[in-house]
Amino acid sequence: MTVLTCPSCGVAVTTGYVKCPKCKRPLPRIRLRTGMEGGTVMPSAQRRWWPYAVAVVAGLLVAIFVIVPAVRGKKATPAEPAPPPVAAQPEPGAASAPSAATPAPPPAAAPTGPSPQLLANELDRTLKRKHLWSTVEIVGDHVDVRSSSCRDKDLPPVVDGALGGFKAAGMSRLRCLEQNGTVVFQRDL
């Protein structure tokens, strides 16, 4: 065991101390015959963090590449439509009574315009990108934008740019409301 003296206060200190026990000043490091530097912290103890880092990175990769696509895949698949009802056939031997011909209802027309919810989600993302923190909701036949930024000069041009899509989707009105419910402006479509 080697003994050295502290350069600041002159106290005799054995190897292995990083700081002087009396004055708390750093001691000069000496190289021992083993090739390791002196000090109280062993090199193997300094590297014990890496298994945890590897585990965290592996967990993140599993979450990103396995769990997230699986969860998104379940939400994104549309429900299978129910088959049309089969009309009851009269039995061959039964007498057929004169029945009033009931016309079949016309098939419901599929909406031809864009989805209002998709347009609301896109407007919501656009407002967030421009740091105009808002929530966009479809309420019946109108669109509500709730924001504390309704009075901001940058918000109306962004909202006005989305009006054409909402009109094509069948919406009748767009309102910008403050968080307390006060209507700041309204656009009729």
C-alpha atoms as a PDB file:
ATOM      1  CA  MET A   1       0.000   0.000   0.000  1.00  0.00           C
ATOM      2  CA  THR A   2       1.378   3.374  -1.004  1.00  0.00           C
ATOM      3  CA  VAL A   3       1.144   6.421   1.207  1.00  0.00           C
ATOM      4  CA  LEU A   4       1.221   9.907  -0.282  1.00  0.00           C
ATOM      5  CA  THR A   5       0.804  13.349   1.199  1.00  0.00           C
ATOM      6  CA  CYS A   6      -1.907  15.840   0.347  1.00  0.00           C
ATOM      7  CA  PRO A   7      -0.418  18.737  -1.652  1.00  0.00           C
ATOM      8  CA  SER A   8      -2.745  21.215   0.088  1.00  0.00           C
ATOM      9  CA  CYS A   9      -2.559  20.364   3.774  1.00  0.00           C
ATOM     10  CA  GLY A  10       0.287  17.817   4.026  1.00  0.00           C
ATOM     11  CA  VAL A  11      -1.711  14.994   5.650  1.00  0.00           C
ATOM     12  CA  ALA A  12      -0.554  11.441   4.889  1.00  0.00           C
ATOM     13  CA  VAL A  13      -3.180   9.640   2.833  1.00  0.00           C
ATOM     14  CA  THR A  14      -3.200   6.009   1.677  1.00  0.00           C
ATOM     15  CA  THR A  15      -3.925   5.180  -1.947  1.00  0.00           C
ATOM     16  CA  GLY A  16      -7.538   4.725  -2.882  1.00  0.00           C
ATOM     17  CA  TYR A  17      -8.793   8.124  -1.708  1.00  0.00           C
ATOM     18  CA  VAL A  18      -9.959  10.546  -4.360  1.00  0.00           C
ATOM     19  CA  LYS A  19     -10.157  13.514  -1.957  1.00  0.00           C
ATOM     20  CA  CYS A  20      -8.160  14.387   1.113  1.00  0.00           C
ATOM     21  CA  PRO A  21     -10.039  13.309   4.268  1.00  0.00           C
ATOM     22  CA  LYS A  22      -9.026  16.535   6.045  1.00  0.00           C
ATOM     23  CA  CYS A  23      -9.285  19.390   3.527  1.00  0.00           C
ATOM     24  CA  LYS A  24     -11.507  17.635   0.923  1.00  0.00           C
ATOM     25  CA  ARG A  25      -9.324  18.733  -1.989  1.00  0.00           C
ATOM     26  CA  PRO A  26      -8.776  16.342  -4.928  1.00  0.00           C
ATOM     27  CA  LEU A  27      -5.676  14.209  -4.622  1.00  0.00           C
ATOM     28  CA  PRO A  28      -3.359  13.528  -7.552  1.00  0.00           C
ATOM     29  CA  ARG A  29      -4.049  10.160  -9.122  1.00  0.00           C
ATOM     30  CA  ILE A  30      -1.266   7.634  -9.200  1.00  0.00           C
ATOM     31  CA  ARG A  31      -0.982   4.620 -11.414  1.00  0.00           C
ATOM     32  CA  LEU A  32      -0.541   1.370  -9.541  1.00  0.00           C
ATOM     33  CA  ARG A  33       1.340  -1.636 -10.841  1.00  0.00           C
ATOM     34  CA  THR A  34      -1.981  -3.309 -11.691  1.00  0.00           C
ATOM     35  CA  GLY A  35      -2.590  -0.755 -14.422  1.00  0.00           C
ATOM     36  CA  MET A  36      -5.700   0.600 -12.711  1.00  0.00           C
ATOM     37  CA  GLU A  37      -5.975   4.191 -11.585  1.00  0.00           C
ATOM     38  CA  GLY A  38      -6.363   4.866  -7.901  1.00  0.00           C
ATOM     39  CA  GLY A  39      -9.690   5.908  -6.473  1.00  0.00           C
ATOM     40  CA  THR A  40     -12.584   4.492  -4.515  1.00  0.00           C
ATOM     41  CA  VAL A  41     -14.774   3.767  -7.537  1.00  0.00           C
ATOM     42  CA  MET A  42     -13.939   0.581  -9.390  1.00  0.00           C
ATOM     43  CA  PRO A  43     -14.119   0.617 -13.185  1.00  0.00           C
ATOM     44  CA  SER A  44     -16.548  -2.315 -13.259  1.00  0.00           C
ATOM     45  CA  ALA A  45     -18.971  -0.420 -11.012  1.00  0.00           C
ATOM     46  CA  GLN A  46     -18.901   2.528 -13.418  1.00  0.00           C
ATOM     47  CA  ARG A  47     -20.214   0.394 -16.274  1.00  0.00           C
ATOM     48  CA  ARG A  48     -23.158  -1.239 -14.530  1.00  0.00           C
ATOM     49  CA  TRP A  49     -25.705   1.138 -16.137  1.00  0.00           C
ATOM     50  CA  TRP A  50     -25.445  -0.294 -19.657  1.00  0.00           C
ATOM     51  CA  PRO A  51     -27.634  -3.416 -19.117  1.00  0.00           C
ATOM     52  CA  TYR A  52     -30.468  -1.141 -18.026  1.00  0.00           C
ATOM     53  CA  ALA A  53     -30.008   1.081 -21.047  1.00  0.00           C
ATOM     54  CA  VAL A  54     -30.087  -1.936 -23.357  1.00  0.00           C
ATOM     55  CA  ALA A  55     -33.297  -3.170 -21.692  1.00  0.00           C
ATOM     56  CA  VAL A  56     -34.951   0.248 -22.052  1.00  0.00           C
ATOM     57  CA  VAL A  57     -33.996   0.516 -25.730  1.00  0.00           C
ATOM     58  CA  ALA A  58     -35.232  -3.028 -26.398  1.00  0.00           C
ATOM     59  CA  GLY A  59     -38.534  -2.253 -24.668  1.00  0.00           C
ATOM     60  CA  LEU A  60     -38.990   0.903 -26.741  1.00  0.00           C
ATOM     61  CA  LEU A  61     -38.295  -0.985 -29.956  1.00  0.00           C
ATOM     62  CA  VAL A  62     -40.853  -3.645 -29.055  1.00  0.00           C
ATOM     63  CA  ALA A  63     -43.400  -0.952 -28.251  1.00  0.00           C
ATOM     64  CA  ILE A  64     -42.770   0.934 -31.489  1.00  0.00           C
ATOM     65  CA  PHE A  65     -42.632  -1.993 -33.903  1.00  0.00           C
ATOM     66  CA  VAL A  66     -45.012  -4.509 -32.318  1.00  0.00           C
ATOM     67  CA  ILE A  67     -47.498  -2.982 -29.899  1.00  0.00           C
ATOM     68  CA  VAL A  68     -48.275   0.330 -31.647  1.00  0.00           C
ATOM     69  CA  PRO A  69     -49.043  -1.215 -35.083  1.00  0.00           C
ATOM     70  CA  ALA A  70     -51.142  -3.947 -33.439  1.00  0.00           C
ATOM     71  CA  VAL A  71     -53.213  -1.407 -31.515  1.00  0.00           C
ATOM     72  CA  ARG A  72     -53.601   0.880 -34.517  1.00  0.00           C
ATOM     73  CA  GLY A  73     -54.511  -2.056 -36.735  1.00  0.00           C
ATOM     74  CA  LYS A  74     -57.410  -3.030 -34.467  1.00  0.00           C
ATOM     75  CA  LYS A  75     -58.814   0.499 -34.464  1.00  0.00           C
ATOM     76  CA  ALA A  76     -58.331   1.130 -38.175  1.00  0.00           C
ATOM     77  CA  THR A  77     -60.167  -1.928 -39.488  1.00  0.00           C
ATOM     78  CA  PRO A  78     -63.798  -1.043 -40.246  1.00  0.00           C
ATOM     79  CA  ALA A  79     -66.553  -3.293 -38.992  1.00  0.00           C
ATOM     80  CA  GLU A  80     -67.876  -5.725 -41.577  1.00  0.00           C
ATOM     81  CA  PRO A  81     -71.302  -4.639 -42.858  1.00  0.00           C
ATOM     82  CA  ALA A  82     -74.236  -6.930 -42.065  1.00  0.00           C
ATOM     83  CA  PRO A  83     -75.609  -8.903 -45.039  1.00  0.00           C
ATOM     84  CA  PRO A  84     -78.936  -7.675 -46.450  1.00  0.00           C
ATOM     85  CA  PRO A  85     -81.999  -9.437 -45.017  1.00  0.00           C
ATOM     86  CA  VAL A  86     -83.365 -12.304 -47.097  1.00  0.00           C
ATOM     87  CA  ALA A  87     -87.042 -11.979 -48.063  1.00  0.00           C
ATOM     88  CA  ALA A  88     -89.249 -14.863 -46.900  1.00  0.00           C
ATOM     89  CA  GLN A  89     -90.391 -17.128 -49.762  1.00  0.00           C
ATOM     90  CA  PRO A  90     -94.009 -18.404 -49.697  1.00  0.00           C
ATOM     91  CA  GLU A  91     -94.449 -22.157 -49.459  1.00  0.00           C
ATOM     92  CA  PRO A  92     -95.220 -23.819 -52.810  1.00  0.00           C
ATOM     93  CA  GLY A  93     -98.526 -25.486 -51.767  1.00  0.00           C
ATOM     94  CA  ALA A  94    -100.021 -22.516 -49.917  1.00  0.00           C
ATOM     95  CA  ALA A  95    -102.626 -20.340 -51.534  1.00  0.00           C
ATOM     96  CA  SER A  96    -101.315 -16.960 -52.222  1.00  0.00           C
ATOM     97  CA  ALA A  97    -103.508 -14.164 -51.085  1.00  0.00           C
ATOM     98  CA  PRO A  98    -103.504 -10.988 -53.109  1.00  0.00           C
ATOM     99  CA  SER A  99    -101.073  -8.802 -51.313  1.00  0.00           C
ATOM    100  CA  ALA A 100    -100.369  -5.219 -51.766  1.00  0.00           C
ATOM    101  CA  ALA A 101     -97.056  -4.784 -53.391  1.00  0.00           C
ATOM    102  CA  THR A 102     -94.854  -3.034 -50.926  1.00  0.00           C
ATOM    103  CA  PRO A 103     -92.130  -1.194 -52.729  1.00  0.00           C
ATOM    104  CA  ALA A 104     -88.652  -1.719 -51.370  1.00  0.00           C
ATOM    105  CA  PRO A 105     -87.162   1.403 -49.864  1.00  0.00           C
ATOM    106  CA  PRO A 106     -84.551   3.024 -52.064  1.00  0.00           C
ATOM    107  CA  PRO A 107     -80.995   2.256 -50.994  1.00  0.00           C
ATOM    108  CA  ALA A 108     -79.450   4.924 -48.825  1.00  0.00           C
ATOM    109  CA  ALA A 109     -77.149   7.149 -50.796  1.00  0.00           C
ATOM    110  CA  ALA A 110     -73.575   6.988 -49.647  1.00  0.00           C
ATOM    111  CA  PRO A 111     -72.192  10.357 -48.608  1.00  0.00           C
ATOM    112  CA  THR A 112     -70.260  11.814 -51.474  1.00  0.00           C
ATOM    113  CA  GLY A 113     -68.470  14.572 -49.571  1.00  0.00           C
ATOM    114  CA  PRO A 114     -65.484  14.238 -47.288  1.00  0.00           C
ATOM    115  CA  SER A 115     -65.918  12.995 -43.741  1.00  0.00           C
ATOM    116  CA  PRO A 116     -66.511  15.899 -41.323  1.00  0.00           C
ATOM    117  CA  GLN A 117     -64.559  14.121 -38.581  1.00  0.00           C
ATOM    118  CA  LEU A 118     -61.516  13.701 -40.826  1.00  0.00           C
ATOM    119  CA  LEU A 119     -61.688  17.387 -41.741  1.00  0.00           C
ATOM    120  CA  ALA A 120     -61.983  18.303 -38.042  1.00  0.00           C
ATOM    121  CA  ASN A 121     -58.947  16.169 -37.207  1.00  0.00           C
ATOM    122  CA  GLU A 122     -56.943  17.803 -40.005  1.00  0.00           C
ATOM    123  CA  LEU A 123     -57.923  21.312 -38.849  1.00  0.00           C
ATOM    124  CA  ASP A 124     -56.985  20.349 -35.285  1.00  0.00           C
ATOM    125  CA  ARG A 125     -53.513  19.189 -36.425  1.00  0.00           C
ATOM    126  CA  THR A 126     -53.029  22.336 -38.533  1.00  0.00           C
ATOM    127  CA  LEU A 127     -53.898  24.604 -35.595  1.00  0.00           C
ATOM    128  CA  LYS A 128     -51.514  22.714 -33.309  1.00  0.00           C
ATOM    129  CA  ARG A 129     -48.687  22.978 -35.873  1.00  0.00           C
ATOM    130  CA  LYS A 130     -49.188  26.747 -35.874  1.00  0.00           C
ATOM    131  CA  HIS A 131     -49.188  26.754 -32.029  1.00  0.00           C
ATOM    132  CA  LEU A 132     -52.837  27.823 -31.908  1.00  0.00           C
ATOM    133  CA  TRP A 133     -53.809  25.223 -29.318  1.00  0.00           C
ATOM    134  CA  SER A 134     -57.439  24.309 -29.947  1.00  0.00           C
ATOM    135  CA  THR A 135     -59.864  21.411 -29.987  1.00  0.00           C
ATOM    136  CA  VAL A 136     -62.125  20.908 -32.988  1.00  0.00           C
ATOM    137  CA  GLU A 137     -65.408  19.032 -32.511  1.00  0.00           C
ATOM    138  CA  ILE A 138     -68.281  18.097 -34.803  1.00  0.00           C
ATOM    139  CA  VAL A 139     -71.573  18.825 -33.001  1.00  0.00           C
ATOM    140  CA  GLY A 140     -74.576  17.873 -35.099  1.00  0.00           C
ATOM    141  CA  ASP A 141     -74.375  19.902 -38.297  1.00  0.00           C
ATOM    142  CA  HIS A 142     -71.846  22.465 -37.097  1.00  0.00           C
ATOM    143  CA  VAL A 143     -68.183  22.626 -36.144  1.00  0.00           C
ATOM    144  CA  ASP A 144     -66.985  24.013 -32.802  1.00  0.00           C
ATOM    145  CA  VAL A 145     -63.407  25.222 -32.393  1.00  0.00           C
ATOM    146  CA  ARG A 146     -62.640  25.702 -28.689  1.00  0.00           C
ATOM    147  CA  SER A 147     -59.550  27.756 -28.047  1.00  0.00           C
ATOM    148  CA  SER A 148     -58.123  30.502 -25.926  1.00  0.00           C
ATOM    149  CA  SER A 149     -56.571  31.737 -29.199  1.00  0.00           C
ATOM    150  CA  CYS A 150     -59.865  32.692 -30.908  1.00  0.00           C
ATOM    151  CA  ARG A 151     -58.935  36.369 -30.657  1.00  0.00           C
ATOM    152  CA  ASP A 152     -55.471  35.713 -32.119  1.00  0.00           C
ATOM    153  CA  LYS A 153     -55.024  37.307 -35.558  1.00  0.00           C
ATOM    154  CA  ASP A 154     -53.535  34.088 -37.008  1.00  0.00           C
ATOM    155  CA  LEU A 155     -56.491  31.808 -36.210  1.00  0.00           C
ATOM    156  CA  PRO A 156     -59.247  33.147 -38.563  1.00  0.00           C
ATOM    157  CA  PRO A 157     -57.203  32.669 -41.778  1.00  0.00           C
ATOM    158  CA  VAL A 158     -56.479  29.036 -40.865  1.00  0.00           C
ATOM    159  CA  VAL A 159     -60.138  28.368 -40.034  1.00  0.00           C
ATOM    160  CA  ASP A 160     -61.340  30.173 -43.180  1.00  0.00           C
ATOM    161  CA  GLY A 161     -59.093  27.929 -45.272  1.00  0.00           C
ATOM    162  CA  ALA A 162     -60.957  24.852 -44.006  1.00  0.00           C
ATOM    163  CA  LEU A 163     -64.501  26.210 -44.594  1.00  0.00           C
ATOM    164  CA  GLY A 164     -64.802  24.813 -48.144  1.00  0.00           C
ATOM    165  CA  GLY A 165     -64.170  21.268 -46.969  1.00  0.00           C
ATOM    166  CA  PHE A 166     -66.707  21.539 -44.167  1.00  0.00           C
ATOM    167  CA  LYS A 167     -69.288  22.954 -46.568  1.00  0.00           C
ATOM    168  CA  ALA A 168     -68.727  20.020 -48.932  1.00  0.00           C
ATOM    169  CA  ALA A 169     -69.146  17.646 -45.971  1.00  0.00           C
ATOM    170  CA  GLY A 170     -72.612  19.082 -45.243  1.00  0.00           C
ATOM    171  CA  MET A 171     -71.805  21.240 -42.238  1.00  0.00           C
ATOM    172  CA  SER A 172     -73.841  24.439 -41.844  1.00  0.00           C
ATOM    173  CA  ARG A 173     -71.816  26.563 -39.409  1.00  0.00           C
ATOM    174  CA  LEU A 174     -68.372  26.932 -37.806  1.00  0.00           C
ATOM    175  CA  ARG A 175     -67.975  28.674 -34.454  1.00  0.00           C
ATOM    176  CA  CYS A 176     -64.873  29.649 -32.511  1.00  0.00           C
ATOM    177  CA  LEU A 177     -65.540  29.530 -28.783  1.00  0.00           C
ATOM    178  CA  GLU A 178     -63.375  30.501 -25.876  1.00  0.00           C
ATOM    179  CA  GLN A 179     -62.846  27.947 -23.124  1.00  0.00           C
ATOM    180  CA  ASN A 180     -65.690  29.482 -21.091  1.00  0.00           C
ATOM    181  CA  GLY A 181     -68.159  29.048 -23.995  1.00  0.00           C
ATOM    182  CA  THR A 182     -68.215  32.626 -25.314  1.00  0.00           C
ATOM    183  CA  VAL A 183     -68.598  32.688 -29.112  1.00  0.00           C
ATOM    184  CA  VAL A 184     -65.843  34.910 -30.537  1.00  0.00           C
ATOM    185  CA  PHE A 185     -66.710  34.511 -34.216  1.00  0.00           C
ATOM    186  CA  GLN A 186     -68.991  32.405 -36.368  1.00  0.00           C
ATOM    187  CA  ARG A 187     -68.917  31.474 -40.062  1.00  0.00           C
ATOM    188  CA  ASP A 188     -72.098  30.297 -41.831  1.00  0.00           C
ATOM    189  CA  LEU A 189     -71.363  27.794 -44.584  1.00  0.00           C
END
